[in-house]
Amino acid sequence: AHADDAVVERRTLPVLVEFADSAFQHP
């Protein structure tokens, strides 16, 4: 692609996911 004056904004969603048998040790 070619860059120009336009700014690309990427709305990003980190999601903390746990399982039925495994959770974060230090949430």
PDB file of all heavy atoms in Angstrom:
ATOM      1  N   ALA A   1       0.849  -1.186   0.000  1.00  0.00           N
ATOM      2  CA  ALA A   1       0.000   0.000   0.000  1.00  0.00           C
ATOM      3  C   ALA A   1       0.879   1.227   0.000  1.00  0.00           C
ATOM      4  O   ALA A   1       2.084   1.154   0.227  1.00  0.00           O
ATOM      5  CB  ALA A   1      -0.914  -0.013   1.225  1.00  0.00           C
ATOM      6  N   HIS A   2       0.304   2.389  -0.281  1.00  0.00           N
ATOM      7  CA  HIS A   2       1.061   3.628  -0.302  1.00  0.00           C
ATOM      8  C   HIS A   2       0.603   4.518   0.836  1.00  0.00           C
ATOM      9  O   HIS A   2      -0.586   4.741   1.037  1.00  0.00           O
ATOM     10  CB  HIS A   2       0.878   4.350  -1.635  1.00  0.00           C
ATOM     11  CG  HIS A   2       1.429   3.583  -2.805  1.00  0.00           C
ATOM     12  ND1 HIS A   2       2.772   3.403  -3.005  1.00  0.00           N
ATOM     13  CD2 HIS A   2       0.807   2.921  -3.814  1.00  0.00           C
ATOM     14  CE1 HIS A   2       2.958   2.682  -4.108  1.00  0.00           C
ATOM     15  NE2 HIS A   2       1.788   2.360  -4.605  1.00  0.00           N
ATOM     16  N   ALA A   3       1.580   5.016   1.587  1.00  0.00           N
ATOM     17  CA  ALA A   3       1.246   5.893   2.696  1.00  0.00           C
ATOM     18  C   ALA A   3       0.852   7.270   2.173  1.00  0.00           C
ATOM     19  O   ALA A   3       1.336   7.737   1.156  1.00  0.00           O
ATOM     20  CB  ALA A   3       2.452   6.010   3.629  1.00  0.00           C
ATOM     21  N   ASP A   4      -0.035   7.915   2.866  1.00  0.00           N
ATOM     22  CA  ASP A   4      -0.377   9.301   2.565  1.00  0.00           C
ATOM     23  C   ASP A   4      -0.621  10.000   3.888  1.00  0.00           C
ATOM     24  O   ASP A   4      -0.141   9.566   4.926  1.00  0.00           O
ATOM     25  CB  ASP A   4      -1.592   9.376   1.621  1.00  0.00           C
ATOM     26  CG  ASP A   4      -2.778   8.572   2.144  1.00  0.00           C
ATOM     27  OD1 ASP A   4      -2.890   8.421   3.383  1.00  0.00           O
ATOM     28  OD2 ASP A   4      -3.581   8.106   1.327  1.00  0.00           O
ATOM     29  N   ASP A   5      -1.334  11.118   3.866  1.00  0.00           N
ATOM     30  CA  ASP A   5      -1.557  11.875   5.087  1.00  0.00           C
ATOM     31  C   ASP A   5      -2.607  11.238   5.984  1.00  0.00           C
ATOM     32  O   ASP A   5      -2.788  11.664   7.128  1.00  0.00           O
ATOM     33  CB  ASP A   5      -1.981  13.309   4.746  1.00  0.00           C
ATOM     34  CG  ASP A   5      -0.844  14.078   4.070  1.00  0.00           C
ATOM     35  OD1 ASP A   5       0.322  13.728   4.329  1.00  0.00           O
ATOM     36  OD2 ASP A   5      -1.131  15.001   3.295  1.00  0.00           O
ATOM     37  N   ALA A   6      -3.332  10.246   5.494  1.00  0.00           N
ATOM     38  CA  ALA A   6      -4.387   9.614   6.281  1.00  0.00           C
ATOM     39  C   ALA A   6      -3.778   8.809   7.427  1.00  0.00           C
ATOM     40  O   ALA A   6      -2.722   8.198   7.286  1.00  0.00           O
ATOM     41  CB  ALA A   6      -5.241   8.722   5.404  1.00  0.00           C
ATOM     42  N   VAL A   7      -4.450   8.814   8.563  1.00  0.00           N
ATOM     43  CA  VAL A   7      -4.018   8.053   9.723  1.00  0.00           C
ATOM     44  C   VAL A   7      -4.969   6.880   9.909  1.00  0.00           C
ATOM     45  O   VAL A   7      -6.186   7.063   9.970  1.00  0.00           O
ATOM     46  CB  VAL A   7      -4.012   8.925  10.990  1.00  0.00           C
ATOM     47  CG1 VAL A   7      -3.674   8.080  12.218  1.00  0.00           C
ATOM     48  CG2 VAL A   7      -3.002  10.072  10.845  1.00  0.00           C
ATOM     49  N   VAL A   8      -4.417   5.672   9.981  1.00  0.00           N
ATOM     50  CA  VAL A   8      -5.213   4.480  10.229  1.00  0.00           C
ATOM     51  C   VAL A   8      -5.306   4.284  11.739  1.00  0.00           C
ATOM     52  O   VAL A   8      -4.286   4.203  12.427  1.00  0.00           O
ATOM     53  CB  VAL A   8      -4.589   3.238   9.574  1.00  0.00           C
ATOM     54  CG1 VAL A   8      -5.364   1.985   9.974  1.00  0.00           C
ATOM     55  CG2 VAL A   8      -4.556   3.391   8.064  1.00  0.00           C
ATOM     56  N   GLU A   9      -6.528   4.216  12.253  1.00  0.00           N
ATOM     57  CA  GLU A   9      -6.735   3.973  13.671  1.00  0.00           C
ATOM     58  C   GLU A   9      -7.313   2.582  13.856  1.00  0.00           C
ATOM     59  O   GLU A   9      -8.371   2.262  13.322  1.00  0.00           O
ATOM     60  CB  GLU A   9      -7.682   5.019  14.267  1.00  0.00           C
ATOM     61  CG  GLU A   9      -7.896   4.863  15.763  1.00  0.00           C
ATOM     62  CD  GLU A   9      -8.737   5.978  16.357  1.00  0.00           C
ATOM     63  OE1 GLU A   9      -8.362   7.154  16.201  1.00  0.00           O
ATOM     64  OE2 GLU A   9      -9.784   5.656  16.952  1.00  0.00           O
ATOM     65  N   ARG A  10      -6.597   1.758  14.594  1.00  0.00           N
ATOM     66  CA  ARG A  10      -7.011   0.367  14.790  1.00  0.00           C
ATOM     67  C   ARG A  10      -7.556   0.204  16.205  1.00  0.00           C
ATOM     68  O   ARG A  10      -6.806   0.173  17.192  1.00  0.00           O
ATOM     69  CB  ARG A  10      -5.811  -0.555  14.581  1.00  0.00           C
ATOM     70  CG  ARG A  10      -6.182  -2.026  14.417  1.00  0.00           C
ATOM     71  CD  ARG A  10      -6.836  -2.285  13.097  1.00  0.00           C
ATOM     72  NE  ARG A  10      -7.129  -3.704  12.909  1.00  0.00           N
ATOM     73  CZ  ARG A  10      -7.830  -4.181  11.902  1.00  0.00           C
ATOM     74  NH1 ARG A  10      -8.324  -3.350  10.999  1.00  0.00           N
ATOM     75  NH2 ARG A  10      -8.052  -5.467  11.779  1.00  0.00           N
ATOM     76  N   ARG A  11      -8.885   0.117  16.325  1.00  0.00           N
ATOM     77  CA  ARG A  11      -9.512  -0.050  17.634  1.00  0.00           C
ATOM     78  C   ARG A  11      -9.269  -1.485  18.107  1.00  0.00           C
ATOM     79  O   ARG A  11      -9.773  -2.436  17.523  1.00  0.00           O
ATOM     80  CB  ARG A  11     -11.007   0.243  17.548  1.00  0.00           C
ATOM     81  CG  ARG A  11     -11.356   1.662  17.111  1.00  0.00           C
ATOM     82  CD  ARG A  11     -12.847   1.757  16.821  1.00  0.00           C
ATOM     83  NE  ARG A  11     -13.233   0.796  15.783  1.00  0.00           N
ATOM     84  CZ  ARG A  11     -14.490   0.420  15.550  1.00  0.00           C
ATOM     85  NH1 ARG A  11     -15.474   0.897  16.293  1.00  0.00           N
ATOM     86  NH2 ARG A  11     -14.760  -0.441  14.579  1.00  0.00           N
ATOM     87  N   THR A  12      -8.503  -1.603  19.164  1.00  0.00           N
ATOM     88  CA  THR A  12      -8.026  -2.908  19.603  1.00  0.00           C
ATOM     89  C   THR A  12      -8.648  -3.288  20.946  1.00  0.00           C
ATOM     90  O   THR A  12      -8.704  -2.472  21.861  1.00  0.00           O
ATOM     91  CB  THR A  12      -6.492  -2.889  19.723  1.00  0.00           C
ATOM     92  OG1 THR A  12      -5.939  -2.580  18.428  1.00  0.00           O
ATOM     93  CG2 THR A  12      -5.952  -4.219  20.200  1.00  0.00           C
ATOM     94  N   LEU A  13      -9.106  -4.541  21.024  1.00  0.00           N
ATOM     95  CA  LEU A  13      -9.751  -5.033  22.234  1.00  0.00           C
ATOM     96  C   LEU A  13      -8.988  -6.238  22.784  1.00  0.00           C
ATOM     97  O   LEU A  13      -9.157  -7.361  22.309  1.00  0.00           O
ATOM     98  CB  LEU A  13     -11.199  -5.425  21.950  1.00  0.00           C
ATOM     99  CG  LEU A  13     -12.011  -5.927  23.156  1.00  0.00           C
ATOM    100  CD1 LEU A  13     -12.079  -4.881  24.258  1.00  0.00           C
ATOM    101  CD2 LEU A  13     -13.414  -6.350  22.726  1.00  0.00           C
ATOM    102  N   PRO A  14      -8.119  -6.030  23.780  1.00  0.00           N
ATOM    103  CA  PRO A  14      -7.552  -7.175  24.486  1.00  0.00           C
ATOM    104  C   PRO A  14      -8.629  -7.784  25.387  1.00  0.00           C
ATOM    105  O   PRO A  14      -9.363  -7.053  26.068  1.00  0.00           O
ATOM    106  CB  PRO A  14      -6.418  -6.565  25.329  1.00  0.00           C
ATOM    107  CG  PRO A  14      -6.238  -5.162  24.815  1.00  0.00           C
ATOM    108  CD  PRO A  14      -7.562  -4.749  24.269  1.00  0.00           C
ATOM    109  N   VAL A  15      -8.735  -9.092  25.402  1.00  0.00           N
ATOM    110  CA  VAL A  15      -9.729  -9.776  26.224  1.00  0.00           C
ATOM    111  C   VAL A  15      -9.027 -10.810  27.089  1.00  0.00           C
ATOM    112  O   VAL A  15      -8.287 -11.659  26.580  1.00  0.00           O
ATOM    113  CB  VAL A  15     -10.798 -10.478  25.357  1.00  0.00           C
ATOM    114  CG1 VAL A  15     -11.844 -11.144  26.246  1.00  0.00           C
ATOM    115  CG2 VAL A  15     -11.459  -9.500  24.409  1.00  0.00           C
ATOM    116  N   LEU A  16      -9.236 -10.727  28.377  1.00  0.00           N
ATOM    117  CA  LEU A  16      -8.689 -11.724  29.290  1.00  0.00           C
ATOM    118  C   LEU A  16      -9.633 -12.910  29.302  1.00  0.00           C
ATOM    119  O   LEU A  16     -10.815 -12.777  29.644  1.00  0.00           O
ATOM    120  CB  LEU A  16      -8.542 -11.139  30.690  1.00  0.00           C
ATOM    121  CG  LEU A  16      -7.719  -9.836  30.790  1.00  0.00           C
ATOM    122  CD1 LEU A  16      -7.572  -9.411  32.236  1.00  0.00           C
ATOM    123  CD2 LEU A  16      -6.364  -9.994  30.120  1.00  0.00           C
ATOM    124  N   VAL A  17      -9.110 -14.066  28.903  1.00  0.00           N
ATOM    125  CA  VAL A  17      -9.931 -15.264  28.733  1.00  0.00           C
ATOM    126  C   VAL A  17      -9.453 -16.345  29.693  1.00  0.00           C
ATOM    127  O   VAL A  17      -8.251 -16.646  29.768  1.00  0.00           O
ATOM    128  CB  VAL A  17      -9.837 -15.777  27.278  1.00  0.00           C
ATOM    129  CG1 VAL A  17     -10.543 -17.116  27.146  1.00  0.00           C
ATOM    130  CG2 VAL A  17     -10.422 -14.763  26.317  1.00  0.00           C
ATOM    131  N   GLU A  18     -10.375 -16.921  30.429  1.00  0.00           N
ATOM    132  CA  GLU A  18     -10.066 -18.046  31.303  1.00  0.00           C
ATOM    133  C   GLU A  18     -10.876 -19.265  30.856  1.00  0.00           C
ATOM    134  O   GLU A  18     -11.822 -19.142  30.067  1.00  0.00           O
ATOM    135  CB  GLU A  18     -10.381 -17.696  32.753  1.00  0.00           C
ATOM    136  CG  GLU A  18      -9.518 -16.552  33.292  1.00  0.00           C
ATOM    137  CD  GLU A  18      -9.814 -16.197  34.730  1.00  0.00           C
ATOM    138  OE1 GLU A  18     -10.995 -16.302  35.139  1.00  0.00           O
ATOM    139  OE2 GLU A  18      -8.870 -15.805  35.438  1.00  0.00           O
ATOM    140  N   PHE A  19     -10.481 -20.437  31.350  1.00  0.00           N
ATOM    141  CA  PHE A  19     -11.145 -21.678  30.981  1.00  0.00           C
ATOM    142  C   PHE A  19     -11.903 -22.241  32.188  1.00  0.00           C
ATOM    143  O   PHE A  19     -11.682 -21.826  33.333  1.00  0.00           O
ATOM    144  CB  PHE A  19     -10.124 -22.695  30.482  1.00  0.00           C
ATOM    145  CG  PHE A  19      -9.310 -22.227  29.312  1.00  0.00           C
ATOM    146  CD1 PHE A  19      -7.989 -21.830  29.484  1.00  0.00           C
ATOM    147  CD2 PHE A  19      -9.862 -22.156  28.047  1.00  0.00           C
ATOM    148  CE1 PHE A  19      -7.230 -21.387  28.416  1.00  0.00           C
ATOM    149  CE2 PHE A  19      -9.112 -21.704  26.963  1.00  0.00           C
ATOM    150  CZ  PHE A  19      -7.798 -21.319  27.151  1.00  0.00           C
ATOM    151  N   ALA A  20     -12.747 -23.189  31.924  1.00  0.00           N
ATOM    152  CA  ALA A  20     -13.524 -23.796  33.003  1.00  0.00           C
ATOM    153  C   ALA A  20     -12.627 -24.443  34.045  1.00  0.00           C
ATOM    154  O   ALA A  20     -12.975 -24.498  35.231  1.00  0.00           O
ATOM    155  CB  ALA A  20     -14.495 -24.827  32.423  1.00  0.00           C
ATOM    156  N   ASP A  21     -11.446 -24.912  33.619  1.00  0.00           N
ATOM    157  CA  ASP A  21     -10.545 -25.601  34.550  1.00  0.00           C
ATOM    158  C   ASP A  21      -9.223 -24.868  34.759  1.00  0.00           C
ATOM    159  O   ASP A  21      -8.285 -25.426  35.330  1.00  0.00           O
ATOM    160  CB  ASP A  21     -10.259 -27.023  34.048  1.00  0.00           C
ATOM    161  CG  ASP A  21      -9.509 -27.030  32.721  1.00  0.00           C
ATOM    162  OD1 ASP A  21      -9.526 -25.983  32.023  1.00  0.00           O
ATOM    163  OD2 ASP A  21      -8.898 -28.061  32.384  1.00  0.00           O
ATOM    164  N   SER A  22      -9.104 -23.621  34.274  1.00  0.00           N
ATOM    165  CA  SER A  22      -7.831 -22.906  34.396  1.00  0.00           C
ATOM    166  C   SER A  22      -8.062 -21.398  34.393  1.00  0.00           C
ATOM    167  O   SER A  22      -8.645 -20.864  33.448  1.00  0.00           O
ATOM    168  CB  SER A  22      -6.889 -23.295  33.245  1.00  0.00           C
ATOM    169  OG  SER A  22      -5.665 -22.604  33.349  1.00  0.00           O
ATOM    170  N   ALA A  23      -7.590 -20.736  35.458  1.00  0.00           N
ATOM    171  CA  ALA A  23      -7.724 -19.289  35.574  1.00  0.00           C
ATOM    172  C   ALA A  23      -6.339 -18.668  35.745  1.00  0.00           C
ATOM    173  O   ALA A  23      -5.347 -19.367  35.980  1.00  0.00           O
ATOM    174  CB  ALA A  23      -8.611 -18.929  36.769  1.00  0.00           C
ATOM    175  N   PHE A  24      -6.236 -17.345  35.593  1.00  0.00           N
ATOM    176  CA  PHE A  24      -4.973 -16.651  35.802  1.00  0.00           C
ATOM    177  C   PHE A  24      -4.519 -16.831  37.246  1.00  0.00           C
ATOM    178  O   PHE A  24      -5.317 -16.698  38.188  1.00  0.00           O
ATOM    179  CB  PHE A  24      -5.111 -15.156  35.493  1.00  0.00           C
ATOM    180  CG  PHE A  24      -5.346 -14.853  34.042  1.00  0.00           C
ATOM    181  CD1 PHE A  24      -6.594 -14.417  33.614  1.00  0.00           C
ATOM    182  CD2 PHE A  24      -4.335 -15.003  33.110  1.00  0.00           C
ATOM    183  CE1 PHE A  24      -6.821 -14.140  32.276  1.00  0.00           C
ATOM    184  CE2 PHE A  24      -4.552 -14.728  31.771  1.00  0.00           C
ATOM    185  CZ  PHE A  24      -5.794 -14.301  31.343  1.00  0.00           C
ATOM    186  N   GLN A  25      -3.241 -17.119  37.442  1.00  0.00           N
ATOM    187  CA  GLN A  25      -2.715 -17.308  38.786  1.00  0.00           C
ATOM    188  C   GLN A  25      -2.642 -15.996  39.562  1.00  0.00           C
ATOM    189  O   GLN A  25      -2.754 -15.975  40.785  1.00  0.00           O
ATOM    190  CB  GLN A  25      -1.332 -17.966  38.716  1.00  0.00           C
ATOM    191  CG  GLN A  25      -1.366 -19.398  38.200  1.00  0.00           C
ATOM    192  CD  GLN A  25       0.018 -20.016  38.161  1.00  0.00           C
ATOM    193  OE1 GLN A  25       1.027 -19.336  38.006  1.00  0.00           O
ATOM    194  NE2 GLN A  25       0.068 -21.340  38.306  1.00  0.00           N
ATOM    195  N   HIS A  26      -2.409 -14.896  38.825  1.00  0.00           N
ATOM    196  CA  HIS A  26      -2.304 -13.575  39.451  1.00  0.00           C
ATOM    197  C   HIS A  26      -3.191 -12.594  38.670  1.00  0.00           C
ATOM    198  O   HIS A  26      -2.694 -11.727  37.957  1.00  0.00           O
ATOM    199  CB  HIS A  26      -0.861 -13.102  39.471  1.00  0.00           C
ATOM    200  CG  HIS A  26       0.090 -14.062  40.136  1.00  0.00           C
ATOM    201  ND1 HIS A  26       0.161 -14.204  41.498  1.00  0.00           N
ATOM    202  CD2 HIS A  26       0.987 -14.928  39.602  1.00  0.00           C
ATOM    203  CE1 HIS A  26       1.074 -15.129  41.790  1.00  0.00           C
ATOM    204  NE2 HIS A  26       1.596 -15.578  40.661  1.00  0.00           N
ATOM    205  N   PRO A  27      -4.508 -12.731  38.784  1.00  0.00           N
ATOM    206  CA  PRO A  27      -5.422 -11.939  37.954  1.00  0.00           C
ATOM    207  C   PRO A  27      -5.260 -10.430  38.124  1.00  0.00           C
ATOM    208  O   PRO A  27      -5.372  -9.690  37.150  1.00  0.00           O
ATOM    209  CB  PRO A  27      -6.807 -12.418  38.399  1.00  0.00           C
ATOM    210  CG  PRO A  27      -6.597 -13.042  39.746  1.00  0.00           C
ATOM    211  CD  PRO A  27      -5.234 -13.633  39.711  1.00  0.00           C
TER     212      PRO A  27
END
